[in-house]
Amino acid sequence: MSEIASDFSGTFAQKLAAAHRGGERVTADVSTLEALSRDQVLCIQHDVVSALSHPIAGWKVAALPDGDLISAPIIATRLFHSPVSMSPEVYGLGGVECEIAFRFAREPVPGIDGFASEHIIEAIDGAGAAIEVADSRWASKFAIPRNG
């Protein structure tokens, strides 16, 4: 990533971390977010998590219909166990997604050709229902592109 792109990503990361701490939303032009590369988005994600200084409790991973794979860390301060009552600052926009959560007994070990389904399945210790409270630090809320 170029130095200009790195500075740009760092600025976004700082704004998002501050918004997360204070409950505000960050304004960004949707076309600017659409122009971000996958590397820039992952750099911003990493920098926000680092700036928040919270341990990662898990990961959200999704295989999209177009074949793309996406992932995002779940920070420990945002992982709740049922029953739970959340403040409006946490509940945010009020969107929810039904999920299946997997608990791993060990880290999956790839084969010679990388990961195959059996490598993942062998490492799973359990599964259960989960609810993701969908929120965003972006002022444009849910009208952001996948990379944002």
N, C-alpha and C. Protein backbone atom coordinates (compact mmCIF):
# COMPACT_ATOMS: atom_id res chain seq x y z
N MET A 1 0.86 -1.17 0.00
CA MET A 1 0.00 0.00 0.00
C MET A 1 0.90 1.23 0.00
N SER A 2 0.55 2.23 -0.80
CA SER A 2 1.36 3.44 -0.89
C SER A 2 1.26 4.23 0.41
N GLU A 3 2.20 5.17 0.58
CA GLU A 3 2.21 6.00 1.80
C GLU A 3 0.95 6.86 1.86
N ILE A 4 0.49 7.37 0.72
CA ILE A 4 -0.73 8.20 0.70
C ILE A 4 -1.93 7.35 1.10
N ALA A 5 -2.03 6.15 0.54
CA ALA A 5 -3.14 5.26 0.88
C ALA A 5 -3.07 4.88 2.35
N SER A 6 -1.87 4.67 2.87
CA SER A 6 -1.69 4.32 4.27
C SER A 6 -2.13 5.46 5.18
N ASP A 7 -1.77 6.70 4.84
CA ASP A 7 -2.19 7.87 5.62
C ASP A 7 -3.71 8.01 5.59
N PHE A 8 -4.30 7.81 4.42
CA PHE A 8 -5.75 7.90 4.23
C PHE A 8 -6.44 6.86 5.12
N SER A 9 -5.95 5.62 5.08
CA SER A 9 -6.53 4.53 5.88
C SER A 9 -6.35 4.82 7.36
N GLY A 10 -5.19 5.33 7.76
CA GLY A 10 -4.93 5.64 9.16
C GLY A 10 -5.87 6.71 9.68
N THR A 11 -6.17 7.71 8.85
CA THR A 11 -7.10 8.77 9.25
C THR A 11 -8.49 8.21 9.48
N PHE A 12 -8.95 7.36 8.55
CA PHE A 12 -10.26 6.72 8.73
C PHE A 12 -10.29 5.87 10.00
N ALA A 13 -9.23 5.11 10.23
CA ALA A 13 -9.17 4.25 11.41
C ALA A 13 -9.25 5.07 12.69
N GLN A 14 -8.52 6.18 12.75
CA GLN A 14 -8.56 7.04 13.94
C GLN A 14 -9.97 7.58 14.18
N LYS A 15 -10.62 8.03 13.11
CA LYS A 15 -11.98 8.57 13.23
C LYS A 15 -12.96 7.49 13.68
N LEU A 16 -12.83 6.29 13.13
CA LEU A 16 -13.75 5.21 13.50
C LEU A 16 -13.54 4.76 14.94
N ALA A 17 -12.29 4.67 15.38
CA ALA A 17 -12.01 4.29 16.77
C ALA A 17 -12.57 5.34 17.73
N ALA A 18 -12.38 6.61 17.42
CA ALA A 18 -12.92 7.68 18.27
C ALA A 18 -14.45 7.63 18.30
N ALA A 19 -15.06 7.36 17.15
CA ALA A 19 -16.52 7.26 17.08
C ALA A 19 -17.01 6.08 17.90
N HIS A 20 -16.28 4.98 17.86
CA HIS A 20 -16.66 3.80 18.63
C HIS A 20 -16.64 4.11 20.13
N ARG A 21 -15.61 4.82 20.57
CA ARG A 21 -15.49 5.17 21.98
C ARG A 21 -16.58 6.16 22.42
N GLY A 22 -16.93 7.10 21.54
CA GLY A 22 -17.85 8.17 21.92
C GLY A 22 -19.27 8.01 21.42
N GLY A 23 -19.54 6.99 20.62
CA GLY A 23 -20.90 6.77 20.12
C GLY A 23 -21.29 7.61 18.93
N GLU A 24 -20.34 8.37 18.37
CA GLU A 24 -20.67 9.21 17.21
C GLU A 24 -20.59 8.37 15.93
N ARG A 25 -20.91 9.03 14.85
CA ARG A 25 -20.82 8.41 13.52
C ARG A 25 -19.86 9.23 12.67
N VAL A 26 -19.17 8.55 11.77
CA VAL A 26 -18.19 9.18 10.89
C VAL A 26 -18.82 9.44 9.53
N THR A 27 -18.66 10.65 9.03
CA THR A 27 -19.17 11.01 7.72
C THR A 27 -18.13 10.66 6.66
N ALA A 28 -18.58 9.99 5.63
CA ALA A 28 -17.71 9.67 4.50
C ALA A 28 -18.57 9.55 3.26
N ASP A 29 -18.06 10.05 2.18
CA ASP A 29 -18.76 9.94 0.91
C ASP A 29 -18.78 8.47 0.48
N VAL A 30 -19.94 7.98 0.08
CA VAL A 30 -20.07 6.57 -0.31
C VAL A 30 -19.12 6.24 -1.45
N SER A 31 -18.90 7.16 -2.38
CA SER A 31 -17.99 6.88 -3.49
C SER A 31 -16.54 6.72 -2.99
N THR A 32 -16.20 7.43 -1.92
CA THR A 32 -14.86 7.27 -1.32
C THR A 32 -14.72 5.88 -0.72
N LEU A 33 -15.77 5.43 -0.03
CA LEU A 33 -15.73 4.09 0.55
C LEU A 33 -15.69 3.01 -0.53
N GLU A 34 -16.42 3.23 -1.62
CA GLU A 34 -16.42 2.26 -2.72
C GLU A 34 -15.04 2.15 -3.36
N ALA A 35 -14.26 3.22 -3.31
CA ALA A 35 -12.94 3.23 -3.95
C ALA A 35 -11.87 2.55 -3.10
N LEU A 36 -12.17 2.23 -1.84
CA LEU A 36 -11.18 1.58 -0.99
C LEU A 36 -10.88 0.17 -1.50
N SER A 37 -9.63 -0.19 -1.49
CA SER A 37 -9.23 -1.54 -1.88
C SER A 37 -9.45 -2.48 -0.70
N ARG A 38 -9.45 -3.77 -0.98
CA ARG A 38 -9.58 -4.77 0.09
C ARG A 38 -8.45 -4.59 1.10
N ASP A 39 -7.21 -4.35 0.62
CA ASP A 39 -6.08 -4.14 1.52
C ASP A 39 -6.28 -2.94 2.42
N GLN A 40 -6.81 -1.84 1.87
CA GLN A 40 -7.07 -0.65 2.68
C GLN A 40 -8.12 -0.93 3.75
N VAL A 41 -9.17 -1.63 3.37
CA VAL A 41 -10.24 -1.93 4.32
C VAL A 41 -9.71 -2.80 5.46
N LEU A 42 -8.92 -3.83 5.11
CA LEU A 42 -8.38 -4.70 6.15
C LEU A 42 -7.39 -3.96 7.05
N CYS A 43 -6.64 -3.02 6.48
CA CYS A 43 -5.73 -2.20 7.26
C CYS A 43 -6.52 -1.31 8.23
N ILE A 44 -7.59 -0.70 7.76
CA ILE A 44 -8.43 0.13 8.61
C ILE A 44 -9.03 -0.72 9.73
N GLN A 45 -9.55 -1.88 9.39
CA GLN A 45 -10.13 -2.79 10.38
C GLN A 45 -9.10 -3.14 11.46
N HIS A 46 -7.91 -3.50 11.04
CA HIS A 46 -6.84 -3.85 11.97
C HIS A 46 -6.49 -2.67 12.87
N ASP A 47 -6.36 -1.49 12.26
CA ASP A 47 -5.97 -0.30 13.03
C ASP A 47 -7.05 0.11 14.03
N VAL A 48 -8.33 -0.05 13.66
CA VAL A 48 -9.41 0.29 14.60
C VAL A 48 -9.36 -0.65 15.80
N VAL A 49 -9.25 -1.94 15.54
CA VAL A 49 -9.19 -2.92 16.64
C VAL A 49 -7.97 -2.65 17.52
N SER A 50 -6.83 -2.35 16.92
CA SER A 50 -5.63 -2.04 17.70
C SER A 50 -5.82 -0.80 18.55
N ALA A 51 -6.43 0.23 17.97
CA ALA A 51 -6.64 1.49 18.70
C ALA A 51 -7.61 1.31 19.87
N LEU A 52 -8.58 0.43 19.73
CA LEU A 52 -9.54 0.21 20.80
C LEU A 52 -8.94 -0.59 21.96
N SER A 53 -7.87 -1.31 21.69
CA SER A 53 -7.16 -2.08 22.73
C SER A 53 -8.03 -3.09 23.45
N HIS A 54 -8.98 -3.67 22.75
CA HIS A 54 -9.81 -4.73 23.33
C HIS A 54 -9.41 -6.05 22.70
N PRO A 55 -9.37 -7.12 23.48
CA PRO A 55 -9.03 -8.41 22.89
C PRO A 55 -10.10 -8.87 21.90
N ILE A 56 -9.68 -9.67 20.94
CA ILE A 56 -10.60 -10.25 19.98
C ILE A 56 -11.14 -11.54 20.59
N ALA A 57 -12.48 -11.63 20.67
CA ALA A 57 -13.13 -12.79 21.27
C ALA A 57 -13.54 -13.83 20.23
N GLY A 58 -13.60 -13.43 18.99
CA GLY A 58 -14.03 -14.34 17.92
C GLY A 58 -14.01 -13.61 16.60
N TRP A 59 -14.49 -14.29 15.58
CA TRP A 59 -14.52 -13.72 14.23
C TRP A 59 -15.85 -14.01 13.58
N LYS A 60 -16.35 -13.04 12.84
CA LYS A 60 -17.50 -13.25 11.98
C LYS A 60 -16.93 -13.52 10.59
N VAL A 61 -17.34 -14.63 10.02
CA VAL A 61 -16.86 -15.02 8.70
C VAL A 61 -18.08 -15.36 7.86
N ALA A 62 -18.08 -14.91 6.62
CA ALA A 62 -19.21 -15.20 5.75
C ALA A 62 -18.73 -15.49 4.33
N ALA A 63 -19.36 -16.47 3.73
CA ALA A 63 -19.17 -16.75 2.32
C ALA A 63 -20.37 -16.16 1.60
N LEU A 64 -20.13 -15.20 0.75
CA LEU A 64 -21.21 -14.49 0.07
C LEU A 64 -21.65 -15.22 -1.19
N PRO A 65 -22.86 -14.95 -1.68
CA PRO A 65 -23.36 -15.65 -2.86
C PRO A 65 -22.45 -15.51 -4.10
N ASP A 66 -21.70 -14.40 -4.18
CA ASP A 66 -20.82 -14.22 -5.34
C ASP A 66 -19.48 -14.94 -5.16
N GLY A 67 -19.33 -15.68 -4.04
CA GLY A 67 -18.11 -16.43 -3.79
C GLY A 67 -17.08 -15.69 -2.95
N ASP A 68 -17.32 -14.41 -2.71
CA ASP A 68 -16.39 -13.63 -1.90
C ASP A 68 -16.46 -14.08 -0.45
N LEU A 69 -15.34 -14.06 0.23
CA LEU A 69 -15.28 -14.36 1.66
C LEU A 69 -14.95 -13.09 2.41
N ILE A 70 -15.68 -12.81 3.47
CA ILE A 70 -15.41 -11.64 4.29
C ILE A 70 -15.28 -12.07 5.74
N SER A 71 -14.54 -11.28 6.50
CA SER A 71 -14.40 -11.58 7.92
C SER A 71 -14.21 -10.28 8.69
N ALA A 72 -14.58 -10.34 9.96
CA ALA A 72 -14.40 -9.18 10.84
C ALA A 72 -14.24 -9.69 12.26
N PRO A 73 -13.34 -9.06 13.01
CA PRO A 73 -13.16 -9.48 14.40
C PRO A 73 -14.34 -9.07 15.26
N ILE A 74 -14.62 -9.89 16.27
CA ILE A 74 -15.62 -9.56 17.29
C ILE A 74 -14.82 -9.23 18.54
N ILE A 75 -14.88 -7.97 18.95
CA ILE A 75 -14.09 -7.58 20.12
C ILE A 75 -14.82 -8.01 21.40
N ALA A 76 -14.05 -8.34 22.40
CA ALA A 76 -14.58 -8.92 23.64
C ALA A 76 -15.65 -8.05 24.29
N THR A 77 -15.53 -6.74 24.21
CA THR A 77 -16.51 -5.86 24.86
C THR A 77 -17.85 -5.85 24.14
N ARG A 78 -17.90 -6.46 22.95
CA ARG A 78 -19.15 -6.52 22.19
C ARG A 78 -19.66 -7.95 22.03
N LEU A 79 -19.17 -8.85 22.84
CA LEU A 79 -19.66 -10.23 22.84
C LEU A 79 -20.43 -10.43 24.14
N PHE A 80 -21.72 -10.71 24.01
CA PHE A 80 -22.60 -10.85 25.16
C PHE A 80 -23.17 -12.26 25.19
N HIS A 81 -23.48 -12.71 26.38
CA HIS A 81 -24.10 -14.03 26.54
C HIS A 81 -25.53 -13.82 27.03
N SER A 82 -26.42 -14.64 26.56
CA SER A 82 -27.83 -14.54 26.89
C SER A 82 -28.08 -14.91 28.35
N PRO A 83 -29.02 -14.26 28.99
CA PRO A 83 -29.80 -13.10 28.54
C PRO A 83 -28.99 -11.82 28.71
N VAL A 84 -29.30 -10.83 27.88
CA VAL A 84 -28.56 -9.58 27.93
C VAL A 84 -29.51 -8.40 27.70
N SER A 85 -29.16 -7.30 28.30
CA SER A 85 -29.85 -6.04 28.06
C SER A 85 -28.79 -5.05 27.59
N MET A 86 -29.03 -4.43 26.43
CA MET A 86 -28.04 -3.52 25.85
C MET A 86 -28.51 -2.08 25.88
N SER A 87 -27.56 -1.19 26.08
CA SER A 87 -27.86 0.24 26.06
C SER A 87 -28.04 0.68 24.60
N PRO A 88 -28.72 1.79 24.37
CA PRO A 88 -28.89 2.30 23.00
C PRO A 88 -27.55 2.56 22.31
N GLU A 89 -26.50 2.90 23.06
CA GLU A 89 -25.19 3.14 22.46
C GLU A 89 -24.64 1.87 21.82
N VAL A 90 -24.95 0.73 22.43
CA VAL A 90 -24.49 -0.55 21.89
C VAL A 90 -25.46 -1.04 20.83
N TYR A 91 -26.75 -0.92 21.12
CA TYR A 91 -27.77 -1.43 20.19
C TYR A 91 -27.79 -0.66 18.89
N GLY A 92 -27.38 0.60 18.93
CA GLY A 92 -27.18 1.39 17.73
C GLY A 92 -28.38 1.49 16.82
N LEU A 93 -28.20 1.00 15.60
CA LEU A 93 -29.22 1.14 14.57
C LEU A 93 -30.37 0.16 14.73
N GLY A 94 -30.19 -0.83 15.56
CA GLY A 94 -31.28 -1.75 15.85
C GLY A 94 -31.46 -2.87 14.86
N GLY A 95 -30.53 -3.06 13.93
CA GLY A 95 -30.62 -4.18 13.01
C GLY A 95 -30.09 -5.44 13.66
N VAL A 96 -30.69 -6.57 13.33
CA VAL A 96 -30.20 -7.84 13.86
C VAL A 96 -30.07 -8.85 12.72
N GLU A 97 -29.15 -9.77 12.89
CA GLU A 97 -28.97 -10.88 11.95
C GLU A 97 -28.91 -12.16 12.75
N CYS A 98 -29.61 -13.17 12.29
CA CYS A 98 -29.53 -14.49 12.92
C CYS A 98 -28.30 -15.19 12.37
N GLU A 99 -27.53 -15.78 13.26
CA GLU A 99 -26.25 -16.39 12.89
C GLU A 99 -26.15 -17.79 13.49
N ILE A 100 -25.21 -18.54 12.99
CA ILE A 100 -24.80 -19.80 13.63
C ILE A 100 -23.38 -19.56 14.11
N ALA A 101 -23.17 -19.76 15.40
CA ALA A 101 -21.84 -19.55 16.00
C ALA A 101 -21.18 -20.91 16.22
N PHE A 102 -19.92 -21.00 15.87
CA PHE A 102 -19.16 -22.23 16.08
C PHE A 102 -18.08 -21.98 17.12
N ARG A 103 -17.92 -22.94 18.00
CA ARG A 103 -16.84 -22.91 18.98
C ARG A 103 -15.82 -23.96 18.53
N PHE A 104 -14.57 -23.55 18.48
CA PHE A 104 -13.53 -24.45 18.02
C PHE A 104 -12.75 -25.02 19.20
N ALA A 105 -12.49 -26.32 19.15
CA ALA A 105 -11.70 -26.99 20.17
C ALA A 105 -10.22 -26.69 19.95
N ARG A 106 -9.88 -26.44 18.71
CA ARG A 106 -8.49 -26.16 18.35
C ARG A 106 -8.48 -25.38 17.04
N GLU A 107 -7.36 -24.81 16.74
CA GLU A 107 -7.20 -24.09 15.48
C GLU A 107 -7.19 -25.10 14.33
N PRO A 108 -7.99 -24.85 13.29
CA PRO A 108 -7.98 -25.77 12.15
C PRO A 108 -6.58 -25.83 11.51
N VAL A 109 -6.22 -27.01 11.05
CA VAL A 109 -4.91 -27.21 10.43
C VAL A 109 -5.12 -27.48 8.94
N PRO A 110 -4.53 -26.66 8.09
CA PRO A 110 -4.72 -26.88 6.65
C PRO A 110 -3.93 -28.08 6.16
N GLY A 111 -4.41 -28.65 5.07
CA GLY A 111 -3.67 -29.72 4.40
C GLY A 111 -2.66 -29.12 3.45
N ILE A 112 -2.08 -29.95 2.63
CA ILE A 112 -1.07 -29.50 1.65
C ILE A 112 -1.64 -28.45 0.70
N ASP A 113 -2.90 -28.61 0.32
CA ASP A 113 -3.54 -27.68 -0.62
C ASP A 113 -4.35 -26.60 0.07
N GLY A 114 -4.11 -26.37 1.36
CA GLY A 114 -4.87 -25.36 2.09
C GLY A 114 -6.00 -25.99 2.88
N PHE A 115 -6.98 -25.17 3.22
CA PHE A 115 -8.09 -25.65 4.03
C PHE A 115 -9.14 -26.34 3.16
N ALA A 116 -9.63 -27.44 3.64
CA ALA A 116 -10.78 -28.12 3.05
C ALA A 116 -11.84 -28.22 4.13
N SER A 117 -13.08 -28.47 3.74
CA SER A 117 -14.18 -28.53 4.71
C SER A 117 -13.88 -29.44 5.88
N GLU A 118 -13.28 -30.59 5.61
CA GLU A 118 -13.02 -31.53 6.69
C GLU A 118 -12.04 -30.99 7.72
N HIS A 119 -11.10 -30.13 7.30
CA HIS A 119 -10.16 -29.53 8.26
C HIS A 119 -10.89 -28.62 9.25
N ILE A 120 -11.88 -27.92 8.76
CA ILE A 120 -12.66 -27.02 9.61
C ILE A 120 -13.57 -27.84 10.52
N ILE A 121 -14.30 -28.79 9.93
CA ILE A 121 -15.26 -29.60 10.68
C ILE A 121 -14.58 -30.36 11.82
N GLU A 122 -13.39 -30.90 11.58
CA GLU A 122 -12.66 -31.66 12.60
C GLU A 122 -12.29 -30.79 13.82
N ALA A 123 -12.16 -29.50 13.62
CA ALA A 123 -11.75 -28.61 14.71
C ALA A 123 -12.92 -28.06 15.52
N ILE A 124 -14.15 -28.23 15.04
CA ILE A 124 -15.32 -27.68 15.72
C ILE A 124 -15.66 -28.47 16.97
N ASP A 125 -15.90 -27.73 18.05
CA ASP A 125 -16.27 -28.33 19.33
C ASP A 125 -17.77 -28.24 19.57
N GLY A 126 -18.43 -27.24 18.99
CA GLY A 126 -19.86 -27.08 19.19
C GLY A 126 -20.41 -25.96 18.34
N ALA A 127 -21.73 -25.88 18.26
CA ALA A 127 -22.40 -24.83 17.50
C ALA A 127 -23.65 -24.41 18.24
N GLY A 128 -24.08 -23.19 18.00
CA GLY A 128 -25.29 -22.69 18.63
C GLY A 128 -25.82 -21.48 17.89
N ALA A 129 -27.01 -21.09 18.26
CA ALA A 129 -27.63 -19.91 17.66
C ALA A 129 -26.98 -18.65 18.24
N ALA A 130 -26.87 -17.63 17.41
CA ALA A 130 -26.34 -16.34 17.84
C ALA A 130 -27.13 -15.24 17.14
N ILE A 131 -27.13 -14.08 17.74
CA ILE A 131 -27.76 -12.91 17.13
C ILE A 131 -26.71 -11.83 17.04
N GLU A 132 -26.50 -11.31 15.84
CA GLU A 132 -25.60 -10.18 15.66
C GLU A 132 -26.42 -8.91 15.69
N VAL A 133 -26.02 -7.98 16.51
CA VAL A 133 -26.64 -6.66 16.50
C VAL A 133 -25.86 -5.84 15.49
N ALA A 134 -26.49 -5.56 14.36
CA ALA A 134 -25.83 -4.86 13.27
C ALA A 134 -25.82 -3.36 13.54
N ASP A 135 -24.64 -2.79 13.49
CA ASP A 135 -24.49 -1.37 13.72
C ASP A 135 -23.36 -0.88 12.84
N SER A 136 -23.19 0.39 12.75
CA SER A 136 -22.14 0.97 11.93
C SER A 136 -21.70 2.28 12.55
N ARG A 137 -20.44 2.57 12.46
CA ARG A 137 -19.93 3.87 12.89
C ARG A 137 -20.00 4.87 11.75
N TRP A 138 -20.43 4.44 10.57
CA TRP A 138 -20.56 5.35 9.44
C TRP A 138 -21.88 6.11 9.54
N ALA A 139 -21.87 7.39 9.24
CA ALA A 139 -23.08 8.22 9.27
C ALA A 139 -24.09 7.75 8.23
N SER A 140 -23.60 7.14 7.14
CA SER A 140 -24.49 6.67 6.08
C SER A 140 -25.18 5.37 6.44
N LYS A 141 -24.94 4.88 7.63
CA LYS A 141 -25.58 3.70 8.20
C LYS A 141 -25.44 2.50 7.29
N PHE A 142 -26.54 1.93 6.83
CA PHE A 142 -26.48 0.69 6.07
C PHE A 142 -26.27 0.90 4.57
N ALA A 143 -26.15 2.13 4.12
CA ALA A 143 -25.99 2.41 2.69
C ALA A 143 -24.52 2.46 2.30
N ILE A 144 -23.71 1.60 2.90
CA ILE A 144 -22.28 1.61 2.59
C ILE A 144 -21.95 0.38 1.75
N PRO A 145 -20.92 0.47 0.92
CA PRO A 145 -20.52 -0.67 0.11
C PRO A 145 -19.87 -1.75 0.98
N ARG A 146 -19.75 -2.95 0.41
CA ARG A 146 -19.17 -4.07 1.15
C ARG A 146 -17.79 -3.73 1.70
N ASN A 147 -16.95 -3.05 0.94
CA ASN A 147 -15.61 -2.72 1.41
C ASN A 147 -15.61 -1.76 2.58
N GLY A 148 -16.67 -0.98 2.78
CA GLY A 148 -16.71 0.00 3.86
C GLY A 148 -16.98 -0.66 5.16
